[in-house]
Amino acid sequence: MSGTRVVFSCDGDYTVTGDGAVACAGTWMAQVMPAPFDISQIDPAVWWGHFGAGFMIIASFFVMGRKIKAIIGVVK
């Protein structure tokens, strides 16, 4: 299990002993932790696709706002 990160959890209550050690009233269980997020794992094409989609959403609201403003100006 080299390189695998685990975290220990207790299915009972935690208690702290007089010398500062943590004791478990139940059983200790080891759970495998997922790998931390690494930005280098993201495919650049996918990243640019998501960026473009977000930009298009914001741009569409901007364009709609400009058109609504123009229509209101004509109506007045």
PDB file of N, CA and C in Angstrom:
ATOM      1  N   MET A   1       0.823  -1.198   0.000  1.00  0.00           N
ATOM      2  CA  MET A   1       0.000   0.000   0.000  1.00  0.00           C
ATOM      3  C   MET A   1       0.863   1.257   0.000  1.00  0.00           C
ATOM      4  N   SER A   2       1.993   1.215  -0.650  1.00  0.00           N
ATOM      5  CA  SER A   2       2.818   2.412  -0.671  1.00  0.00           C
ATOM      6  C   SER A   2       2.167   3.465  -1.559  1.00  0.00           C
ATOM      7  N   GLY A   3       2.147   4.686  -1.097  1.00  0.00           N
ATOM      8  CA  GLY A   3       1.555   5.771  -1.842  1.00  0.00           C
ATOM      9  C   GLY A   3       0.062   5.929  -1.634  1.00  0.00           C
ATOM     10  N   THR A   4      -0.587   4.978  -0.996  1.00  0.00           N
ATOM     11  CA  THR A   4      -2.019   5.072  -0.747  1.00  0.00           C
ATOM     12  C   THR A   4      -2.247   5.831   0.550  1.00  0.00           C
ATOM     13  N   ARG A   5      -3.122   6.815   0.488  1.00  0.00           N
ATOM     14  CA  ARG A   5      -3.428   7.598   1.683  1.00  0.00           C
ATOM     15  C   ARG A   5      -4.656   7.021   2.349  1.00  0.00           C
ATOM     16  N   VAL A   6      -4.593   6.840   3.654  1.00  0.00           N
ATOM     17  CA  VAL A   6      -5.733   6.338   4.412  1.00  0.00           C
ATOM     18  C   VAL A   6      -6.021   7.277   5.572  1.00  0.00           C
ATOM     19  N   VAL A   7      -7.251   7.245   6.024  1.00  0.00           N
ATOM     20  CA  VAL A   7      -7.654   7.989   7.206  1.00  0.00           C
ATOM     21  C   VAL A   7      -8.353   6.992   8.117  1.00  0.00           C
ATOM     22  N   PHE A   8      -8.120   7.130   9.400  1.00  0.00           N
ATOM     23  CA  PHE A   8      -8.720   6.216  10.362  1.00  0.00           C
ATOM     24  C   PHE A   8      -9.946   6.863  10.981  1.00  0.00           C
ATOM     25  N   SER A   9     -11.009   6.087  11.075  1.00  0.00           N
ATOM     26  CA  SER A   9     -12.228   6.576  11.705  1.00  0.00           C
ATOM     27  C   SER A   9     -12.703   5.544  12.714  1.00  0.00           C
ATOM     28  N   CYS A  10     -13.503   6.004  13.643  1.00  0.00           N
ATOM     29  CA  CYS A  10     -13.999   5.155  14.722  1.00  0.00           C
ATOM     30  C   CYS A  10     -15.510   5.030  14.583  1.00  0.00           C
ATOM     31  N   ASP A  11     -16.034   3.809  14.732  1.00  0.00           N
ATOM     32  CA  ASP A  11     -17.481   3.639  14.641  1.00  0.00           C
ATOM     33  C   ASP A  11     -18.172   3.866  15.983  1.00  0.00           C
ATOM     34  N   GLY A  12     -17.406   4.213  17.007  1.00  0.00           N
ATOM     35  CA  GLY A  12     -17.968   4.515  18.326  1.00  0.00           C
ATOM     36  C   GLY A  12     -17.623   5.939  18.731  1.00  0.00           C
ATOM     37  N   ASP A  13     -17.530   6.162  20.037  1.00  0.00           N
ATOM     38  CA  ASP A  13     -17.196   7.483  20.558  1.00  0.00           C
ATOM     39  C   ASP A  13     -15.692   7.609  20.754  1.00  0.00           C
ATOM     40  N   TYR A  14     -15.187   8.810  20.500  1.00  0.00           N
ATOM     41  CA  TYR A  14     -13.781   9.113  20.757  1.00  0.00           C
ATOM     42  C   TYR A  14     -13.630   9.566  22.203  1.00  0.00           C
ATOM     43  N   THR A  15     -12.533   9.176  22.814  1.00  0.00           N
ATOM     44  CA  THR A  15     -12.173   9.700  24.128  1.00  0.00           C
ATOM     45  C   THR A  15     -10.692  10.021  24.112  1.00  0.00           C
ATOM     46  N   VAL A  16     -10.315  11.018  24.881  1.00  0.00           N
ATOM     47  CA  VAL A  16      -8.912  11.399  24.991  1.00  0.00           C
ATOM     48  C   VAL A  16      -8.422  10.956  26.354  1.00  0.00           C
ATOM     49  N   THR A  17      -7.363  10.166  26.357  1.00  0.00           N
ATOM     50  CA  THR A  17      -6.818   9.660  27.614  1.00  0.00           C
ATOM     51  C   THR A  17      -6.000  10.745  28.301  1.00  0.00           C
ATOM     52  N   GLY A  18      -5.562  10.459  29.494  1.00  0.00           N
ATOM     53  CA  GLY A  18      -4.803  11.423  30.281  1.00  0.00           C
ATOM     54  C   GLY A  18      -3.496  11.842  29.631  1.00  0.00           C
ATOM     55  N   ASP A  19      -2.880  10.955  28.859  1.00  0.00           N
ATOM     56  CA  ASP A  19      -1.611  11.316  28.225  1.00  0.00           C
ATOM     57  C   ASP A  19      -1.803  11.935  26.833  1.00  0.00           C
ATOM     58  N   GLY A  20      -3.061  12.211  26.437  1.00  0.00           N
ATOM     59  CA  GLY A  20      -3.338  12.894  25.175  1.00  0.00           C
ATOM     60  C   GLY A  20      -3.610  11.973  24.005  1.00  0.00           C
ATOM     61  N   ALA A  21      -3.584  10.667  24.214  1.00  0.00           N
ATOM     62  CA  ALA A  21      -3.861   9.732  23.128  1.00  0.00           C
ATOM     63  C   ALA A  21      -5.364   9.645  22.891  1.00  0.00           C
ATOM     64  N   VAL A  22      -5.747   9.381  21.668  1.00  0.00           N
ATOM     65  CA  VAL A  22      -7.159   9.248  21.317  1.00  0.00           C
ATOM     66  C   VAL A  22      -7.528   7.771  21.356  1.00  0.00           C
ATOM     67  N   ALA A  23      -8.602   7.459  22.087  1.00  0.00           N
ATOM     68  CA  ALA A  23      -9.071   6.082  22.192  1.00  0.00           C
ATOM     69  C   ALA A  23     -10.448   5.986  21.547  1.00  0.00           C
ATOM     70  N   CYS A  24     -10.741   4.821  21.013  1.00  0.00           N
ATOM     71  CA  CYS A  24     -12.011   4.580  20.329  1.00  0.00           C
ATOM     72  C   CYS A  24     -12.822   3.582  21.137  1.00  0.00           C
ATOM     73  N   ALA A  25     -14.111   3.891  21.375  1.00  0.00           N
ATOM     74  CA  ALA A  25     -14.973   2.979  22.120  1.00  0.00           C
ATOM     75  C   ALA A  25     -15.394   1.789  21.257  1.00  0.00           C
ATOM     76  N   GLY A  26     -15.361   1.940  19.940  1.00  0.00           N
ATOM     77  CA  GLY A  26     -15.720   0.859  19.017  1.00  0.00           C
ATOM     78  C   GLY A  26     -14.465   0.290  18.375  1.00  0.00           C
ATOM     79  N   THR A  27     -14.508   0.165  17.058  1.00  0.00           N
ATOM     80  CA  THR A  27     -13.344  -0.330  16.321  1.00  0.00           C
ATOM     81  C   THR A  27     -12.841   0.750  15.374  1.00  0.00           C
ATOM     82  N   TRP A  28     -11.520   0.778  15.193  1.00  0.00           N
ATOM     83  CA  TRP A  28     -10.905   1.692  14.244  1.00  0.00           C
ATOM     84  C   TRP A  28     -11.055   1.106  12.848  1.00  0.00           C
ATOM     85  N   MET A  29     -11.378   1.947  11.878  1.00  0.00           N
ATOM     86  CA  MET A  29     -11.502   1.506  10.492  1.00  0.00           C
ATOM     87  C   MET A  29     -10.620   2.386   9.618  1.00  0.00           C
ATOM     88  N   ALA A  30      -9.895   1.768   8.697  1.00  0.00           N
ATOM     89  CA  ALA A  30      -9.065   2.511   7.745  1.00  0.00           C
ATOM     90  C   ALA A  30      -9.852   2.700   6.455  1.00  0.00           C
ATOM     91  N   GLN A  31      -9.945   3.942   6.003  1.00  0.00           N
ATOM     92  CA  GLN A  31     -10.650   4.248   4.761  1.00  0.00           C
ATOM     93  C   GLN A  31      -9.669   4.896   3.796  1.00  0.00           C
ATOM     94  N   VAL A  32      -9.664   4.420   2.566  1.00  0.00           N
ATOM     95  CA  VAL A  32      -8.754   4.947   1.553  1.00  0.00           C
ATOM     96  C   VAL A  32      -9.231   6.331   1.125  1.00  0.00           C
ATOM     97  N   MET A  33      -8.307   7.275   1.107  1.00  0.00           N
ATOM     98  CA  MET A  33      -8.609   8.641   0.685  1.00  0.00           C
ATOM     99  C   MET A  33      -8.352   8.771  -0.811  1.00  0.00           C
ATOM    100  N   PRO A  34      -9.199   9.498  -1.524  1.00  0.00           N
ATOM    101  CA  PRO A  34      -8.930   9.716  -2.950  1.00  0.00           C
ATOM    102  C   PRO A  34      -7.715  10.623  -3.128  1.00  0.00           C
ATOM    103  N   ALA A  35      -7.128  10.549  -4.297  1.00  0.00           N
ATOM    104  CA  ALA A  35      -5.963  11.387  -4.589  1.00  0.00           C
ATOM    105  C   ALA A  35      -6.382  12.853  -4.570  1.00  0.00           C
ATOM    106  N   PRO A  36      -5.503  13.741  -4.102  1.00  0.00           N
ATOM    107  CA  PRO A  36      -5.849  15.160  -4.106  1.00  0.00           C
ATOM    108  C   PRO A  36      -5.978  15.683  -5.539  1.00  0.00           C
ATOM    109  N   PHE A  37      -6.720  16.763  -5.692  1.00  0.00           N
ATOM    110  CA  PHE A  37      -6.934  17.350  -7.017  1.00  0.00           C
ATOM    111  C   PHE A  37      -5.624  17.874  -7.569  1.00  0.00           C
ATOM    112  N   ASP A  38      -5.389  17.577  -8.832  1.00  0.00           N
ATOM    113  CA  ASP A  38      -4.191  18.052  -9.520  1.00  0.00           C
ATOM    114  C   ASP A  38      -4.632  18.697 -10.832  1.00  0.00           C
ATOM    115  N   ILE A  39      -4.318  19.968 -11.003  1.00  0.00           N
ATOM    116  CA  ILE A  39      -4.758  20.716 -12.180  1.00  0.00           C
ATOM    117  C   ILE A  39      -4.189  20.129 -13.463  1.00  0.00           C
ATOM    118  N   SER A  40      -3.052  19.450 -13.381  1.00  0.00           N
ATOM    119  CA  SER A  40      -2.437  18.897 -14.591  1.00  0.00           C
ATOM    120  C   SER A  40      -3.221  17.706 -15.141  1.00  0.00           C
ATOM    121  N   GLN A  41      -4.163  17.160 -14.388  1.00  0.00           N
ATOM    122  CA  GLN A  41      -4.962  16.036 -14.857  1.00  0.00           C
ATOM    123  C   GLN A  41      -6.080  16.465 -15.805  1.00  0.00           C
ATOM    124  N   ILE A  42      -6.354  17.758 -15.883  1.00  0.00           N
ATOM    125  CA  ILE A  42      -7.439  18.247 -16.725  1.00  0.00           C
ATOM    126  C   ILE A  42      -6.947  18.359 -18.162  1.00  0.00           C
ATOM    127  N   ASP A  43      -7.732  17.822 -19.087  1.00  0.00           N
ATOM    128  CA  ASP A  43      -7.417  17.912 -20.509  1.00  0.00           C
ATOM    129  C   ASP A  43      -7.636  19.359 -20.961  1.00  0.00           C
ATOM    130  N   PRO A  44      -6.648  19.990 -21.620  1.00  0.00           N
ATOM    131  CA  PRO A  44      -6.820  21.389 -22.039  1.00  0.00           C
ATOM    132  C   PRO A  44      -8.026  21.608 -22.949  1.00  0.00           C
ATOM    133  N   ALA A  45      -8.331  20.655 -23.816  1.00  0.00           N
ATOM    134  CA  ALA A  45      -9.484  20.824 -24.706  1.00  0.00           C
ATOM    135  C   ALA A  45     -10.785  20.864 -23.908  1.00  0.00           C
ATOM    136  N   VAL A  46     -10.890  20.029 -22.894  1.00  0.00           N
ATOM    137  CA  VAL A  46     -12.084  20.022 -22.041  1.00  0.00           C
ATOM    138  C   VAL A  46     -12.157  21.317 -21.241  1.00  0.00           C
ATOM    139  N   TRP A  47     -11.011  21.777 -20.719  1.00  0.00           N
ATOM    140  CA  TRP A  47     -10.982  23.016 -19.943  1.00  0.00           C
ATOM    141  C   TRP A  47     -11.457  24.181 -20.802  1.00  0.00           C
ATOM    142  N   TRP A  48     -10.924  24.289 -22.020  1.00  0.00           N
ATOM    143  CA  TRP A  48     -11.333  25.386 -22.896  1.00  0.00           C
ATOM    144  C   TRP A  48     -12.800  25.266 -23.282  1.00  0.00           C
ATOM    145  N   GLY A  49     -13.295  24.045 -23.431  1.00  0.00           N
ATOM    146  CA  GLY A  49     -14.713  23.861 -23.722  1.00  0.00           C
ATOM    147  C   GLY A  49     -15.598  24.368 -22.599  1.00  0.00           C
ATOM    148  N   HIS A  50     -15.232  24.046 -21.363  1.00  0.00           N
ATOM    149  CA  HIS A  50     -16.009  24.531 -20.216  1.00  0.00           C
ATOM    150  C   HIS A  50     -15.896  26.047 -20.075  1.00  0.00           C
ATOM    151  N   PHE A  51     -14.709  26.579 -20.295  1.00  0.00           N
ATOM    152  CA  PHE A  51     -14.517  28.028 -20.223  1.00  0.00           C
ATOM    153  C   PHE A  51     -15.370  28.726 -21.278  1.00  0.00           C
ATOM    154  N   GLY A  52     -15.360  28.188 -22.491  1.00  0.00           N
ATOM    155  CA  GLY A  52     -16.153  28.778 -23.567  1.00  0.00           C
ATOM    156  C   GLY A  52     -17.643  28.716 -23.286  1.00  0.00           C
ATOM    157  N   ALA A  53     -18.107  27.606 -22.729  1.00  0.00           N
ATOM    158  CA  ALA A  53     -19.526  27.474 -22.397  1.00  0.00           C
ATOM    159  C   ALA A  53     -19.930  28.498 -21.342  1.00  0.00           C
ATOM    160  N   GLY A  54     -19.109  28.673 -20.328  1.00  0.00           N
ATOM    161  CA  GLY A  54     -19.401  29.671 -19.302  1.00  0.00           C
ATOM    162  C   GLY A  54     -19.396  31.078 -19.868  1.00  0.00           C
ATOM    163  N   PHE A  55     -18.435  31.346 -20.750  1.00  0.00           N
ATOM    164  CA  PHE A  55     -18.374  32.662 -21.383  1.00  0.00           C
ATOM    165  C   PHE A  55     -19.619  32.916 -22.224  1.00  0.00           C
ATOM    166  N   MET A  56     -20.079  31.905 -22.948  1.00  0.00           N
ATOM    167  CA  MET A  56     -21.259  32.074 -23.800  1.00  0.00           C
ATOM    168  C   MET A  56     -22.515  32.334 -22.965  1.00  0.00           C
ATOM    169  N   ILE A  57     -22.601  31.718 -21.800  1.00  0.00           N
ATOM    170  CA  ILE A  57     -23.757  31.967 -20.930  1.00  0.00           C
ATOM    171  C   ILE A  57     -23.779  33.427 -20.491  1.00  0.00           C
ATOM    172  N   ILE A  58     -22.636  33.929 -20.038  1.00  0.00           N
ATOM    173  CA  ILE A  58     -22.556  35.326 -19.598  1.00  0.00           C
ATOM    174  C   ILE A  58     -22.787  36.265 -20.778  1.00  0.00           C
ATOM    175  N   ALA A  59     -22.188  35.955 -21.922  1.00  0.00           N
ATOM    176  CA  ALA A  59     -22.332  36.813 -23.100  1.00  0.00           C
ATOM    177  C   ALA A  59     -23.780  36.863 -23.575  1.00  0.00           C
ATOM    178  N   SER A  60     -24.495  35.745 -23.484  1.00  0.00           N
ATOM    179  CA  SER A  60     -25.892  35.748 -23.940  1.00  0.00           C
ATOM    180  C   SER A  60     -26.746  36.663 -23.064  1.00  0.00           C
ATOM    181  N   PHE A  61     -26.518  36.677 -21.751  1.00  0.00           N
ATOM    182  CA  PHE A  61     -27.261  37.590 -20.886  1.00  0.00           C
ATOM    183  C   PHE A  61     -26.898  39.043 -21.185  1.00  0.00           C
ATOM    184  N   PHE A  62     -25.636  39.291 -21.494  1.00  0.00           N
ATOM    185  CA  PHE A  62     -25.203  40.643 -21.837  1.00  0.00           C
ATOM    186  C   PHE A  62     -25.890  41.113 -23.120  1.00  0.00           C
ATOM    187  N   VAL A  63     -25.911  40.262 -24.129  1.00  0.00           N
ATOM    188  CA  VAL A  63     -26.537  40.623 -25.404  1.00  0.00           C
ATOM    189  C   VAL A  63     -28.039  40.810 -25.228  1.00  0.00           C
ATOM    190  N   MET A  64     -28.694  39.929 -24.478  1.00  0.00           N
ATOM    191  CA  MET A  64     -30.135  40.079 -24.242  1.00  0.00           C
ATOM    192  C   MET A  64     -30.426  41.387 -23.512  1.00  0.00           C
ATOM    193  N   GLY A  65     -29.591  41.729 -22.552  1.00  0.00           N
ATOM    194  CA  GLY A  65     -29.787  42.981 -21.827  1.00  0.00           C
ATOM    195  C   GLY A  65     -29.670  44.189 -22.734  1.00  0.00           C
ATOM    196  N   ARG A  66     -28.694  44.161 -23.643  1.00  0.00           N
ATOM    197  CA  ARG A  66     -28.531  45.271 -24.582  1.00  0.00           C
ATOM    198  C   ARG A  66     -29.745  45.385 -25.512  1.00  0.00           C
ATOM    199  N   LYS A  67     -30.242  44.254 -25.977  1.00  0.00           N
ATOM    200  CA  LYS A  67     -31.404  44.273 -26.881  1.00  0.00           C
ATOM    201  C   LYS A  67     -32.657  44.751 -26.147  1.00  0.00           C
ATOM    202  N   ILE A  68     -32.845  44.306 -24.917  1.00  0.00           N
ATOM    203  CA  ILE A  68     -34.001  44.758 -24.131  1.00  0.00           C
ATOM    204  C   ILE A  68     -33.913  46.255 -23.880  1.00  0.00           C
ATOM    205  N   LYS A  69     -32.707  46.749 -23.607  1.00  0.00           N
ATOM    206  CA  LYS A  69     -32.519  48.181 -23.396  1.00  0.00           C
ATOM    207  C   LYS A  69     -32.859  48.954 -24.671  1.00  0.00           C
ATOM    208  N   ALA A  70     -32.468  48.421 -25.825  1.00  0.00           N
ATOM    209  CA  ALA A  70     -32.778  49.086 -27.093  1.00  0.00           C
ATOM    210  C   ALA A  70     -34.279  49.082 -27.359  1.00  0.00           C
ATOM    211  N   ILE A  71     -34.946  47.973 -27.067  1.00  0.00           N
ATOM    212  CA  ILE A  71     -36.400  47.894 -27.276  1.00  0.00           C
ATOM    213  C   ILE A  71     -37.123  48.866 -26.360  1.00  0.00           C
ATOM    214  N   ILE A  72     -36.700  48.954 -25.113  1.00  0.00           N
ATOM    215  CA  ILE A  72     -37.325  49.895 -24.172  1.00  0.00           C
ATOM    216  C   ILE A  72     -37.101  51.325 -24.640  1.00  0.00           C
ATOM    217  N   GLY A  73     -35.918  51.607 -25.193  1.00  0.00           N
ATOM    218  CA  GLY A  73     -35.643  52.945 -25.722  1.00  0.00           C
ATOM    219  C   GLY A  73     -36.544  53.301 -26.893  1.00  0.00           C
ATOM    220  N   VAL A  74     -36.839  52.330 -27.743  1.00  0.00           N
ATOM    221  CA  VAL A  74     -37.726  52.575 -28.884  1.00  0.00           C
ATOM    222  C   VAL A  74     -39.155  52.791 -28.409  1.00  0.00           C
ATOM    223  N   VAL A  75     -39.603  52.023 -27.423  1.00  0.00           N
ATOM    224  CA  VAL A  75     -40.967  52.133 -26.916  1.00  0.00           C
ATOM    225  C   VAL A  75     -41.190  53.481 -26.245  1.00  0.00           C
ATOM    226  N   LYS A  76     -40.192  53.985 -25.548  1.00  0.00           N
ATOM    227  CA  LYS A  76     -40.345  55.282 -24.871  1.00  0.00           C
ATOM    228  C   LYS A  76     -40.408  56.341 -25.922  1.00  0.00           C
TER     229      LYS A  76
END
